[in-house]
Amino acid sequence: MLKIAPSILSADFTRLGAEVENVRAGGADWLHFDVMDGLFVPNISVGLPVLKSLRKATDAFLDVHLMIDRPQRYVKAFCDAGADLVCFHLEAAQPQDLREALDAVKAAGKRAGLAIKPRTPAETLIPYLEQLDLALVMTVEPGFGGQGFMRPMLPKITALRRMLDRAGCTGCDVEVDGGIDASTAPLALKAGANVLVAGSAIFDRPDRAAAIAELRAASNDTRV
């Protein structure tokens, strides 16, 4: 089932509560919450205090994407702060720490995900598939919004979806993040994704409902 997750990284933070309710009223399924630490990626964004405030302001599904070093240190805190799903990067920790972090998210009653950068092969996720509720393929280099969609990532999305199906993990969502708009959304869906993160394609438009509707309409056409 298609889910559209506007990334609040592109929202107006001077009126974040209103921005969130605007995209929810416009048909957003999830809200994507990007956390950057200036170490794992060369940028710094928001963290626990903003998530706690946002949780108080909305009952929307909060999809938290941790682009941080050694995420095992913080996954429980983000669960406690109000995340519904916590996704972190395979490249950011050692295998045993990744497994323990996934278990910690599940123990908190939340959904767990792993993300991979553009240069990381889909096959690196194989040891963790049965622990995942979501797998995220970055279709830009993580760290900054507004980048162009990397079409060479499409075969990786397809490979990941096939891997999940072969492993019996058919309920695991495949998310794409980066450069999603009305022209690239159908490409990602045809490749096997079902969760689309879109930032500027939604928040840069004055009519967010129209922007979300365009994404849905474009996503219905996977002939491209």
Protein backbone atom coordinates (compact mmCIF):
# COMPACT_ATOMS: atom_id res chain seq x y z
CA MET A 1 0.00 0.00 0.00
CA LEU A 2 1.37 3.41 -1.02
CA LYS A 3 2.32 5.75 1.82
CA ILE A 4 3.40 9.35 1.29
CA ALA A 5 5.65 10.77 4.01
CA PRO A 6 6.38 14.50 3.77
CA SER A 7 9.80 15.31 5.20
CA ILE A 8 9.60 18.09 7.76
CA LEU A 9 13.19 19.00 6.88
CA SER A 10 11.61 21.15 4.15
CA ALA A 11 8.93 22.67 6.40
CA ASP A 12 8.85 26.18 7.84
CA PHE A 13 10.14 25.61 11.38
CA THR A 14 8.76 28.91 12.61
CA ARG A 15 5.30 27.35 12.29
CA LEU A 16 6.03 23.64 12.40
CA GLY A 17 2.79 22.60 14.10
CA ALA A 18 0.70 24.36 11.47
CA GLU A 19 2.85 22.93 8.68
CA VAL A 20 2.34 19.41 9.98
CA GLU A 21 -1.40 19.76 10.24
CA ASN A 22 -1.49 21.30 6.78
CA VAL A 23 0.12 18.29 5.10
CA ARG A 24 -1.92 15.88 7.20
CA ALA A 25 -5.12 17.60 6.08
CA GLY A 26 -3.74 17.40 2.56
CA GLY A 27 -3.55 13.61 2.66
CA ALA A 28 -0.13 12.72 4.06
CA ASP A 29 0.07 9.18 5.46
CA TRP A 30 3.20 9.58 7.59
CA LEU A 31 5.54 12.39 8.64
CA HIS A 32 9.25 11.88 8.01
CA PHE A 33 11.55 13.28 10.71
CA ASP A 34 15.22 13.58 9.72
CA VAL A 35 17.86 13.64 12.46
CA MET A 36 21.44 14.58 11.50
CA ASP A 37 24.40 14.86 13.83
CA GLY A 38 27.12 16.56 11.77
CA LEU A 39 29.26 13.41 12.09
CA PHE A 40 27.60 10.63 10.12
CA VAL A 41 26.44 13.26 7.62
CA PRO A 42 27.85 16.78 7.08
CA ASN A 43 24.83 18.61 8.43
CA ILE A 44 22.97 19.11 11.70
CA SER A 45 19.18 19.14 11.96
CA VAL A 46 16.72 18.49 14.77
CA GLY A 47 16.65 16.08 17.67
CA LEU A 48 14.81 14.86 20.73
CA PRO A 49 13.32 18.17 21.98
CA VAL A 50 11.70 18.90 18.63
CA LEU A 51 10.38 15.35 18.36
CA LYS A 52 8.86 15.57 21.84
CA SER A 53 7.16 18.85 20.94
CA LEU A 54 5.90 17.49 17.64
CA ARG A 55 4.49 14.42 19.35
CA LYS A 56 2.44 16.67 21.60
CA ALA A 57 1.14 18.60 18.59
CA THR A 58 0.03 15.70 16.41
CA ASP A 59 -1.11 12.10 16.49
CA ALA A 60 0.37 11.48 13.03
CA PHE A 61 2.60 8.45 12.39
CA LEU A 62 6.16 9.73 12.96
CA ASP A 63 8.76 8.04 10.79
CA VAL A 64 12.10 8.97 12.39
CA HIS A 65 15.22 8.63 10.23
CA LEU A 66 18.44 8.76 12.25
CA MET A 67 21.42 9.88 10.18
CA ILE A 68 23.69 9.70 13.19
CA ASP A 69 26.84 7.90 14.30
CA ARG A 70 26.37 4.88 16.60
CA PRO A 71 22.57 5.10 16.66
CA GLN A 72 22.34 2.34 19.29
CA ARG A 73 23.06 5.06 21.86
CA TYR A 74 19.83 6.91 21.12
CA VAL A 75 17.17 4.61 19.66
CA LYS A 76 15.34 4.11 22.96
CA ALA A 77 15.33 7.85 23.64
CA PHE A 78 13.73 8.50 20.26
CA CYS A 79 11.16 5.79 20.91
CA ASP A 80 10.36 7.37 24.27
CA ALA A 81 10.14 10.83 22.67
CA GLY A 82 7.29 9.74 20.44
CA ALA A 83 8.62 8.02 17.31
CA ASP A 84 6.34 5.38 15.80
CA LEU A 85 9.15 4.02 13.64
CA VAL A 86 12.88 4.43 14.13
CA CYS A 87 15.14 3.84 11.14
CA PHE A 88 18.92 4.17 11.27
CA HIS A 89 21.83 3.50 8.96
CA LEU A 90 23.50 0.17 8.48
CA GLU A 91 26.77 2.02 7.85
CA ALA A 92 26.65 3.82 11.21
CA ALA A 93 27.34 0.93 13.60
CA GLN A 94 28.83 -2.54 13.95
CA PRO A 95 26.61 -5.56 13.14
CA GLN A 96 26.01 -6.60 16.76
CA ASP A 97 25.14 -3.03 17.71
CA LEU A 98 22.71 -2.83 14.80
CA ARG A 99 20.95 -6.02 15.91
CA GLU A 100 20.73 -4.83 19.51
CA ALA A 101 19.38 -1.46 18.38
CA LEU A 102 16.71 -3.13 16.24
CA ASP A 103 15.74 -5.30 19.21
CA ALA A 104 15.56 -2.23 21.46
CA VAL A 105 13.16 -0.49 19.08
CA LYS A 106 10.95 -3.57 18.95
CA ALA A 107 11.08 -3.93 22.75
CA ALA A 108 9.77 -0.37 23.01
CA GLY A 109 6.76 -1.40 20.94
CA LYS A 110 7.84 0.57 17.86
CA ARG A 111 8.58 -0.33 14.25
CA ALA A 112 12.23 -0.76 13.27
CA GLY A 113 14.02 0.07 10.04
CA LEU A 114 17.45 0.11 8.45
CA ALA A 115 18.64 2.56 5.81
CA ILE A 116 21.43 2.25 3.26
CA LYS A 117 23.39 4.93 1.42
CA PRO A 118 23.61 4.97 -2.39
CA ARG A 119 26.97 3.16 -2.49
CA THR A 120 25.87 0.40 -0.10
CA PRO A 121 24.63 -2.78 -1.84
CA ALA A 122 21.15 -4.07 -1.04
CA GLU A 123 22.65 -7.43 -0.09
CA THR A 124 24.22 -5.95 3.04
CA LEU A 125 20.73 -5.93 4.58
CA ILE A 126 20.28 -9.71 4.26
CA PRO A 127 21.40 -10.58 7.84
CA TYR A 128 18.77 -8.21 9.29
CA LEU A 129 15.72 -8.77 7.07
CA GLU A 130 13.68 -10.72 9.62
CA GLN A 131 14.09 -7.91 12.19
CA LEU A 132 12.89 -5.17 9.84
CA ASP A 133 9.54 -3.46 9.47
CA LEU A 134 11.03 -1.06 6.93
CA ALA A 135 14.06 -0.87 4.67
CA LEU A 136 15.08 2.54 3.34
CA VAL A 137 17.01 3.06 0.11
CA MET A 138 18.54 6.53 -0.08
CA THR A 139 18.12 7.91 -3.60
CA VAL A 140 20.38 10.87 -2.80
CA GLU A 141 23.47 11.17 -0.63
CA PRO A 142 22.14 11.66 2.92
CA GLY A 143 22.64 14.98 4.64
CA PHE A 144 20.91 17.65 2.60
CA GLY A 145 17.46 18.20 1.13
CA GLY A 146 16.70 19.32 -2.42
CA GLN A 147 19.04 16.90 -4.26
CA GLY A 148 18.18 15.19 -7.53
CA PHE A 149 16.92 11.61 -7.67
CA MET A 150 19.64 9.04 -8.45
CA ARG A 151 18.14 6.73 -11.08
CA PRO A 152 20.92 4.13 -10.71
CA MET A 153 19.31 3.28 -7.35
CA LEU A 154 16.25 1.78 -9.05
CA PRO A 155 17.77 -1.71 -9.54
CA LYS A 156 18.75 -1.67 -5.87
CA ILE A 157 15.14 -1.04 -4.86
CA THR A 158 14.04 -3.97 -7.04
CA ALA A 159 16.73 -6.24 -5.62
CA LEU A 160 15.73 -5.34 -2.07
CA ARG A 161 12.06 -6.03 -2.70
CA ARG A 162 12.93 -9.44 -4.19
CA MET A 163 15.16 -10.25 -1.24
CA LEU A 164 12.38 -9.43 1.21
CA ASP A 165 9.85 -11.50 -0.72
CA ARG A 166 12.20 -14.50 -0.90
CA ALA A 167 12.79 -14.23 2.86
CA GLY A 168 9.05 -14.18 3.52
CA CYS A 169 9.19 -10.59 4.76
CA THR A 170 6.32 -9.45 2.56
CA GLY A 171 5.00 -7.08 5.23
CA CYS A 172 8.22 -5.06 5.31
CA ASP A 173 7.87 -1.60 3.78
CA VAL A 174 10.41 -0.41 1.22
CA GLU A 175 10.96 3.33 1.55
CA VAL A 176 12.78 5.72 -0.80
CA ASP A 177 14.12 9.09 0.30
CA GLY A 178 15.60 11.73 -1.97
CA GLY A 179 14.48 13.58 -5.06
CA ILE A 180 10.93 12.24 -5.02
CA ASP A 181 8.43 14.22 -7.07
CA ALA A 182 5.68 13.52 -9.60
CA SER A 183 8.21 12.42 -12.22
CA THR A 184 10.31 10.09 -10.03
CA ALA A 185 7.60 8.64 -7.77
CA PRO A 186 6.30 6.18 -10.40
CA LEU A 187 9.87 5.03 -11.09
CA ALA A 188 10.41 4.20 -7.42
CA LEU A 189 7.07 2.42 -7.13
CA LYS A 190 7.62 0.40 -10.28
CA ALA A 191 10.98 -0.67 -8.87
CA GLY A 192 9.30 -2.00 -5.71
CA ALA A 193 9.02 0.81 -3.17
CA ASN A 194 5.77 1.59 -1.36
CA VAL A 195 6.75 4.48 0.98
CA LEU A 196 7.73 7.77 -0.66
CA VAL A 197 9.52 10.49 1.32
CA ALA A 198 9.07 13.90 -0.30
CA GLY A 199 10.30 17.20 1.07
CA SER A 200 10.55 20.15 -1.28
CA ALA A 201 8.09 18.56 -3.73
CA ILE A 202 5.41 19.06 -1.06
CA PHE A 203 6.51 21.83 1.31
CA ASP A 204 7.70 24.16 -1.46
CA ARG A 205 4.22 24.19 -2.94
CA PRO A 206 1.59 26.65 -1.65
CA ASP A 207 -1.12 23.99 -2.03
CA ARG A 208 0.20 20.92 -0.21
CA ALA A 209 -2.98 18.92 -0.82
CA ALA A 210 -2.53 19.40 -4.56
CA ALA A 211 1.13 18.39 -4.32
CA ILE A 212 0.25 15.18 -2.46
CA ALA A 213 -2.59 14.46 -4.89
CA GLU A 214 -0.18 14.85 -7.80
CA LEU A 215 2.20 12.35 -6.23
CA ARG A 216 -0.64 9.86 -5.80
CA ALA A 217 -1.90 10.39 -9.33
CA ALA A 218 1.58 10.01 -10.78
CA SER A 219 2.14 6.92 -8.67
CA ASN A 220 -0.87 5.24 -10.25
CA ASP A 221 0.99 5.27 -13.56
CA THR A 222 3.90 2.84 -13.33
CA ARG A 223 4.24 2.44 -17.10
CA VAL A 224 7.20 4.84 -17.23
